[in-house]
Amino acid sequence: MSNFSKINVLLGANNSGKTSVLESIFLLSGMSNPELALNINLMRGIVADRDVLRYIFYNLETKNKPQLSGSFSMNIHRKVEICPIFEKNVVSRAIEAIQDNSFSATSLLTSPDILGLEYSFTLKSMREQVKSFKTWLRFEKDGIKQALNASYKEDIVSKFFFSGSADAGLSDQLKTLFVAKKEHILNDLLNKLDSKITGLYVLPNGIYVDKKSIPERIPLQLMGDGVRRLLNVAATIAANDEQNFICLIDEIENGLHFKSQELMWQTLFNLTRAANIQLFITTHSWEMLQSLATVLKQTGYVDMQDSVKVFSIVNTAKEGFQSYVRSFEGLESSVRNGNEFR
C-alpha cells in the first residue's frame, strides 16, 4: 500500500487484513519496543506468556519471520524483522526425539521452545547510510526481561484504539487536558452528544459526568461504549503534543449511533486539521462512509477533502491481497450511486 494521506480509511471483507495493516503500522512506528507484539495479542484478548509467542509467526512456523517496512516523512525508510529466540536445549531435545522415534519436522517447526523475540530494525534516509539496531524480549523465571537499544530514540508516537477498547487510558488523557485548560474541547463534544451534559470530572474513583436534572454526578460508564470511545479518541488527539503522532482506530463505528457518526468525523477533522497527526481507520459501516462523504461536503470541512483517502483491500484470485484507493470524488460518487465497495 502506498500514497497514504492525512486521514486513511481502510475497507474490506472480514479477515481481509484491515486490522493487520493497523498492527503493522503500530509495530513499525514503535519498532524499538519489543513489547508491542505482546500488546497486540493482549488487545485481541490473548494473555501474554511464552506459549503465545508462536502466534506471531505465519502458520505458527517460526521460519516465517515477520518483516515490515515502510517509508515515513523526510524520506526515512524503516524496516523491522522479528525473529524467535530459542531455548539453548532445543537442539538436544530434537536429538532425543529422533532417538526415540518421536521426532516430527512439522512439530519442531510449529511448536519450538521459544524463549523470546529479537527485533532487528533499520533506518535509512536518502543522505545517510543504513543504521542498524537490535532489541529483544525474553520470558524468564522471574518475569519478562527486555533489552532496549540506548543509542536509538523513537521520534514517532502511535496510539492504537482496538475494536474492543472503550476508555482505556482516558483518565490520564483527561488529566493532561485539565492541566492544559483544554477541558472545554470535551465538554463541547459531550454537549453536542447530549445537550443536558454540562461537565466532565476526573475524581479519585473514576470519571464522572454532570447532567442536568440528575441530583448527583454519574459514572461515565453509564453513557455507553460509543460515547466513551469517542471521548477517548478525542482526548488522546487533543492531549497530544508530539511532533509525529499516528492514531490507529479499529472499527470506528463500534458503539456509535448513526446520528453521532457525523460528529465523530467533524471531531477528527477539527482536531487534526492543523496538527501533525495521521489517522488510519477501519470500518465495515455503510452509514459511516455516508456520514464521511456528507461531512466532507459541509462548508466547514471542504478543505479536508484532499486530506482523506479510502482504501479497499481485496483478496483477488490471481494476485492475492490488493488495495484500491479512492479520493473524495471517488468516495462521494460511490456513496451517491450506492456502489458496494466495502
Protein backbone atom coordinates (compact mmCIF):
# COMPACT_ATOMS: atom_id res chain seq x y z
CA MET A 1 0.00 0.00 0.00
CA SER A 2 1.27 3.47 -0.81
CA ASN A 3 0.39 7.17 -1.11
CA PHE A 4 -1.31 7.41 2.25
CA SER A 5 -2.91 10.71 3.19
CA LYS A 6 -3.52 12.51 6.48
CA ILE A 7 -6.71 10.53 7.12
CA ASN A 8 -6.91 7.00 5.71
CA VAL A 9 -9.99 4.79 5.87
CA LEU A 10 -9.49 1.05 5.28
CA LEU A 11 -12.32 -1.14 3.97
CA GLY A 12 -12.56 -4.85 3.22
CA ALA A 13 -14.31 -8.12 3.99
CA ASN A 14 -13.75 -9.99 7.24
CA ASN A 15 -10.22 -11.40 7.50
CA SER A 16 -9.01 -9.27 4.59
CA GLY A 17 -6.18 -7.79 6.64
CA LYS A 18 -7.53 -4.38 7.68
CA THR A 19 -6.60 -4.78 11.33
CA SER A 20 -3.31 -6.39 10.32
CA VAL A 21 -2.42 -3.19 8.44
CA LEU A 22 -3.05 -1.17 11.62
CA GLU A 23 -0.99 -3.63 13.66
CA SER A 24 1.86 -3.47 11.14
CA ILE A 25 1.93 0.33 11.30
CA PHE A 26 1.82 0.11 15.10
CA LEU A 27 4.82 -2.25 15.18
CA LEU A 28 6.76 -0.29 12.58
CA SER A 29 6.21 3.09 14.25
CA GLY A 30 7.43 1.70 17.58
CA MET A 31 9.90 -0.82 16.24
CA SER A 32 12.36 -0.37 19.13
CA ASN A 33 9.79 -1.59 21.67
CA PRO A 34 9.79 -5.41 21.78
CA GLU A 35 6.63 -5.48 23.94
CA LEU A 36 4.38 -4.19 21.16
CA ALA A 37 3.80 -7.64 19.66
CA LEU A 38 2.65 -8.84 23.09
CA ASN A 39 0.44 -5.76 23.43
CA ILE A 40 -1.27 -6.63 20.15
CA ASN A 41 -2.05 -10.11 21.49
CA LEU A 42 -3.41 -8.53 24.68
CA MET A 43 -5.71 -6.26 22.65
CA ARG A 44 -7.05 -9.40 20.99
CA GLY A 45 -7.68 -10.91 24.42
CA ILE A 46 -4.69 -13.28 24.38
CA VAL A 47 -2.77 -13.45 27.65
CA ALA A 48 0.92 -12.60 27.30
CA ASP A 49 3.02 -15.67 28.05
CA ARG A 50 5.63 -17.80 26.31
CA ASP A 51 3.11 -20.06 24.64
CA VAL A 52 1.55 -17.24 22.61
CA LEU A 53 4.82 -16.13 21.03
CA ARG A 54 4.29 -18.63 18.21
CA TYR A 55 1.14 -16.74 17.17
CA ILE A 56 3.45 -14.03 15.86
CA PHE A 57 4.57 -16.34 13.05
CA TYR A 58 2.57 -17.17 9.94
CA ASN A 59 1.02 -20.65 10.13
CA LEU A 60 2.74 -20.92 13.55
CA GLU A 61 6.03 -21.75 11.79
CA THR A 62 8.96 -19.89 13.26
CA LYS A 63 10.83 -19.95 9.94
CA ASN A 64 8.27 -17.36 8.76
CA LYS A 65 9.84 -14.29 10.33
CA PRO A 66 7.58 -11.22 10.08
CA GLN A 67 9.19 -8.44 8.04
CA LEU A 68 7.65 -4.98 7.99
CA SER A 69 8.87 -2.00 6.02
CA GLY A 70 7.61 1.45 5.18
CA SER A 71 8.62 4.95 4.17
CA PHE A 72 7.87 7.73 6.61
CA SER A 73 8.21 11.51 6.50
CA MET A 74 11.51 13.07 5.45
CA ASN A 75 12.06 10.07 3.12
CA ILE A 76 13.14 7.87 6.01
CA HIS A 77 12.68 4.15 5.31
CA ARG A 78 12.10 1.77 8.22
CA LYS A 79 12.38 -1.98 8.30
CA VAL A 80 11.97 -4.45 11.14
CA GLU A 81 12.26 -8.23 11.31
CA ILE A 82 11.01 -10.28 14.26
CA CYS A 83 12.95 -13.47 14.99
CA PRO A 84 12.38 -16.20 17.60
CA ILE A 85 14.84 -16.73 20.43
CA PHE A 86 15.00 -20.44 21.21
CA GLU A 87 15.94 -22.13 24.42
CA LYS A 88 19.51 -23.41 24.37
CA ASN A 89 18.39 -27.02 24.74
CA VAL A 90 16.02 -27.05 21.76
CA VAL A 91 18.58 -28.90 19.60
CA SER A 92 19.28 -31.52 22.26
CA ARG A 93 15.55 -32.11 22.67
CA ALA A 94 15.25 -32.63 18.91
CA ILE A 95 18.08 -35.19 19.04
CA GLU A 96 16.31 -37.02 21.87
CA ALA A 97 13.08 -37.03 19.84
CA ILE A 98 14.92 -38.54 16.88
CA GLN A 99 16.46 -41.23 19.07
CA ASP A 100 13.11 -42.37 20.48
CA ASN A 101 11.38 -42.12 17.06
CA SER A 102 9.02 -39.34 18.17
CA PHE A 103 10.65 -36.66 16.01
CA SER A 104 8.44 -34.69 13.65
CA ALA A 105 9.87 -31.95 11.47
CA THR A 106 6.47 -30.29 11.38
CA SER A 107 6.07 -30.29 15.16
CA LEU A 108 9.58 -28.91 15.60
CA LEU A 109 8.77 -26.00 13.30
CA THR A 110 5.32 -25.26 14.62
CA SER A 111 5.91 -25.80 18.33
CA PRO A 112 9.51 -24.91 19.16
CA ASP A 113 10.60 -23.96 22.65
CA ILE A 114 10.61 -20.19 22.15
CA LEU A 115 12.20 -18.19 24.92
CA GLY A 116 11.53 -14.74 23.44
CA LEU A 117 11.68 -12.44 20.43
CA GLU A 118 14.52 -10.50 18.85
CA TYR A 119 13.87 -7.36 16.81
CA SER A 120 16.33 -6.34 14.10
CA PHE A 121 15.44 -2.93 12.71
CA THR A 122 16.98 -0.36 10.40
CA LEU A 123 16.64 3.30 9.45
CA LYS A 124 17.72 4.68 6.11
CA SER A 125 17.44 8.19 4.73
CA MET A 126 18.48 9.45 1.32
CA ARG A 127 21.65 11.11 2.60
CA GLU A 128 22.73 8.66 5.29
CA GLN A 129 23.89 5.08 5.46
CA VAL A 130 21.69 2.37 6.91
CA LYS A 131 21.59 2.43 10.71
CA SER A 132 21.02 -0.98 12.29
CA PHE A 133 19.73 -1.77 15.78
CA LYS A 134 18.61 -4.76 17.85
CA THR A 135 16.35 -5.24 20.84
CA TRP A 136 14.98 -8.37 22.47
CA LEU A 137 12.37 -9.66 24.90
CA ARG A 138 12.58 -12.91 26.89
CA PHE A 139 10.34 -14.83 29.25
CA GLU A 140 12.40 -15.90 32.25
CA LYS A 141 11.60 -17.43 35.62
CA ASP A 142 11.41 -14.07 37.35
CA GLY A 143 9.30 -12.43 34.66
CA ILE A 144 9.63 -10.73 31.29
CA LYS A 145 13.00 -9.15 30.58
CA GLN A 146 13.89 -6.92 27.68
CA ALA A 147 16.93 -5.14 26.31
CA LEU A 148 16.35 -1.78 24.65
CA ASN A 149 18.87 -0.04 22.44
CA ALA A 150 20.25 3.01 24.24
CA SER A 151 21.56 4.51 21.01
CA TYR A 152 18.11 4.67 19.41
CA LYS A 153 15.46 7.23 20.33
CA GLU A 154 11.99 6.94 18.80
CA ASP A 155 10.62 10.11 17.21
CA ILE A 156 7.18 8.72 16.33
CA VAL A 157 4.37 8.10 18.81
CA SER A 158 1.42 5.87 17.90
CA LYS A 159 -1.81 5.08 19.72
CA PHE A 160 -3.94 2.04 18.88
CA PHE A 161 -7.68 2.02 19.59
CA PHE A 162 -8.61 -1.63 19.23
CA SER A 163 -12.20 -2.51 18.37
CA GLY A 164 -12.92 -3.71 21.90
CA SER A 165 -11.44 -0.73 23.76
CA ALA A 166 -13.70 2.00 25.11
CA ASP A 167 -12.00 4.20 27.69
CA ALA A 168 -8.64 2.57 28.41
CA GLY A 169 -6.21 5.34 29.35
CA LEU A 170 -8.89 8.05 29.21
CA SER A 171 -8.31 9.20 32.78
CA ASP A 172 -4.66 10.10 32.09
CA GLN A 173 -5.59 11.95 28.90
CA LEU A 174 -8.26 13.94 30.74
CA LYS A 175 -5.80 14.95 33.46
CA THR A 176 -3.44 16.25 30.76
CA LEU A 177 -6.24 18.30 29.20
CA PHE A 178 -7.36 19.71 32.55
CA VAL A 179 -3.83 20.85 33.37
CA ALA A 180 -3.57 22.49 29.93
CA LYS A 181 -7.00 24.14 30.40
CA LYS A 182 -8.37 22.33 27.34
CA GLU A 183 -11.25 20.52 29.01
CA HIS A 184 -13.69 22.71 27.05
CA ILE A 185 -12.92 20.57 23.97
CA LEU A 186 -14.51 17.52 25.57
CA ASN A 187 -17.25 19.45 27.34
CA ASP A 188 -18.33 20.90 24.00
CA LEU A 189 -18.24 17.44 22.45
CA LEU A 190 -20.36 15.94 25.23
CA ASN A 191 -22.84 18.78 24.96
CA LYS A 192 -23.25 18.07 21.25
CA LEU A 193 -23.90 14.43 22.06
CA ASP A 194 -26.40 15.34 24.76
CA SER A 195 -27.37 18.97 25.47
CA LYS A 196 -28.13 18.05 29.09
CA ILE A 197 -24.47 17.23 29.82
CA THR A 198 -22.71 20.20 31.41
CA GLY A 199 -19.35 18.89 32.54
CA LEU A 200 -16.79 16.10 32.86
CA TYR A 201 -14.79 15.41 36.02
CA VAL A 202 -11.86 13.15 36.91
CA LEU A 203 -12.32 12.03 40.51
CA PRO A 204 -10.19 9.64 42.60
CA ASN A 205 -12.59 6.75 41.99
CA GLY A 206 -13.26 7.34 38.29
CA ILE A 207 -14.59 9.69 35.61
CA TYR A 208 -17.94 11.35 36.24
CA VAL A 209 -20.42 13.34 34.15
CA ASP A 210 -22.58 16.25 35.28
CA LYS A 211 -26.03 16.10 33.72
CA LYS A 212 -28.99 18.44 34.17
CA SER A 213 -31.96 17.08 36.13
CA ILE A 214 -29.80 14.45 37.88
CA PRO A 215 -29.04 15.38 41.52
CA GLU A 216 -25.51 13.95 41.51
CA ARG A 217 -22.71 13.30 39.03
CA ILE A 218 -22.87 9.89 37.39
CA PRO A 219 -20.08 7.49 36.27
CA LEU A 220 -19.04 7.86 32.64
CA GLN A 221 -19.64 4.11 32.18
CA LEU A 222 -23.39 4.80 32.23
CA MET A 223 -23.02 6.78 29.00
CA GLY A 224 -22.30 3.70 26.85
CA ASP A 225 -19.27 2.38 24.97
CA GLY A 226 -19.76 4.60 21.90
CA VAL A 227 -19.67 7.86 23.88
CA ARG A 228 -16.69 6.72 25.93
CA ARG A 229 -14.78 5.65 22.83
CA LEU A 230 -15.49 8.94 21.06
CA LEU A 231 -14.30 10.81 24.14
CA ASN A 232 -11.16 8.68 24.39
CA VAL A 233 -10.20 9.26 20.75
CA ALA A 234 -10.85 13.00 21.04
CA ALA A 235 -8.99 13.31 24.35
CA THR A 236 -5.96 11.38 23.06
CA ILE A 237 -5.64 13.55 19.97
CA ALA A 238 -6.31 16.80 21.85
CA ALA A 239 -3.76 15.96 24.56
CA ASN A 240 -1.06 15.03 22.05
CA ASP A 241 1.96 17.30 21.89
CA GLU A 242 4.25 15.03 19.87
CA GLN A 243 5.72 16.21 16.58
CA ASN A 244 4.90 12.92 14.81
CA PHE A 245 1.73 11.22 16.04
CA ILE A 246 -0.09 8.29 14.42
CA CYS A 247 -3.56 7.34 15.61
CA LEU A 248 -4.92 3.89 14.68
CA ILE A 249 -8.66 3.31 15.12
CA ASP A 250 -10.08 -0.17 14.51
CA GLU A 251 -13.79 -0.40 13.60
CA ILE A 252 -14.52 3.25 14.29
CA GLU A 253 -18.27 2.71 14.15
CA ASN A 254 -18.37 0.44 17.23
CA GLY A 255 -20.99 1.63 19.70
CA LEU A 256 -21.79 4.83 17.78
CA HIS A 257 -25.40 5.65 16.93
CA PHE A 258 -25.71 6.75 13.30
CA LYS A 259 -26.65 10.27 14.44
CA SER A 260 -23.28 10.55 16.23
CA GLN A 261 -21.19 9.41 13.27
CA GLU A 262 -21.06 12.83 11.61
CA LEU A 263 -19.92 14.27 14.95
CA MET A 264 -17.09 11.71 15.08
CA TRP A 265 -15.80 12.80 11.65
CA GLN A 266 -16.21 16.51 12.48
CA THR A 267 -14.30 15.99 15.72
CA LEU A 268 -11.44 14.17 13.97
CA PHE A 269 -11.21 16.86 11.28
CA ASN A 270 -11.25 19.70 13.82
CA LEU A 271 -8.55 18.12 15.98
CA THR A 272 -6.21 17.04 13.16
CA ARG A 273 -6.61 19.93 10.72
CA ALA A 274 -3.65 21.96 11.97
CA ALA A 275 -1.71 19.21 13.76
CA ASN A 276 0.98 16.84 12.52
CA ILE A 277 -1.25 13.81 13.08
CA GLN A 278 -2.00 10.93 10.74
CA LEU A 279 -5.05 8.69 11.14
CA PHE A 280 -5.61 5.11 9.97
CA ILE A 281 -9.19 3.92 10.43
CA THR A 282 -11.03 0.68 9.63
CA THR A 283 -14.78 0.33 9.19
CA HIS A 284 -17.48 -2.00 7.84
CA SER A 285 -20.25 0.54 8.17
CA TRP A 286 -22.03 1.92 5.11
CA GLU A 287 -23.56 4.63 7.33
CA MET A 288 -20.06 5.62 8.50
CA LEU A 289 -18.98 6.10 4.88
CA GLN A 290 -22.14 8.03 4.07
CA SER A 291 -21.55 10.33 7.03
CA LEU A 292 -17.91 10.81 5.95
CA ALA A 293 -18.99 11.90 2.46
CA THR A 294 -21.68 14.15 3.95
CA VAL A 295 -19.30 15.93 6.35
CA LEU A 296 -16.68 16.47 3.63
CA LYS A 297 -19.30 18.38 1.62
CA GLN A 298 -20.22 20.65 4.51
CA THR A 299 -19.00 24.23 4.32
CA GLY A 300 -16.68 24.00 7.30
CA TYR A 301 -14.92 20.83 6.09
CA VAL A 302 -14.48 21.21 2.32
CA ASP A 303 -10.80 21.96 2.96
CA MET A 304 -10.36 18.40 4.28
CA GLN A 305 -11.41 16.69 1.05
CA ASP A 306 -7.84 16.39 -0.21
CA SER A 307 -6.71 15.00 3.15
CA VAL A 308 -8.89 11.87 3.04
CA LYS A 309 -8.33 8.63 1.13
CA VAL A 310 -10.34 5.42 1.23
CA PHE A 311 -8.57 2.09 0.62
CA SER A 312 -10.45 -1.11 -0.28
CA ILE A 313 -8.47 -4.28 0.49
CA VAL A 314 -9.47 -7.23 -1.69
CA ASN A 315 -8.20 -10.82 -1.77
CA THR A 316 -8.01 -11.45 -5.53
CA ALA A 317 -7.91 -14.92 -7.10
CA LYS A 318 -4.73 -14.32 -9.12
CA GLU A 319 -2.69 -11.70 -7.29
CA GLY A 320 -3.66 -12.23 -3.65
CA PHE A 321 -4.33 -9.22 -1.47
CA GLN A 322 -4.54 -5.93 -3.36
CA SER A 323 -5.62 -2.44 -2.32
CA TYR A 324 -7.58 0.09 -4.36
CA VAL A 325 -7.71 3.75 -3.39
CA ARG A 326 -10.48 6.34 -3.71
CA SER A 327 -10.14 10.08 -3.25
CA PHE A 328 -13.08 12.18 -2.05
CA GLU A 329 -14.54 12.32 -5.55
CA GLY A 330 -14.50 8.52 -5.82
CA LEU A 331 -15.96 8.13 -2.34
CA GLU A 332 -18.73 10.65 -2.96
CA SER A 333 -19.61 9.11 -6.33
CA SER A 334 -19.68 5.55 -4.92
CA VAL A 335 -21.87 6.58 -1.98
CA ARG A 336 -24.23 8.60 -4.18
CA ASN A 337 -24.67 5.74 -6.64
CA GLY A 338 -24.93 3.07 -3.95
CA ASN A 339 -21.89 1.16 -5.20
CA GLU A 340 -20.78 -1.57 -2.82
CA PHE A 341 -17.06 -1.08 -2.18
CA ARG A 342 -16.65 -2.23 1.41
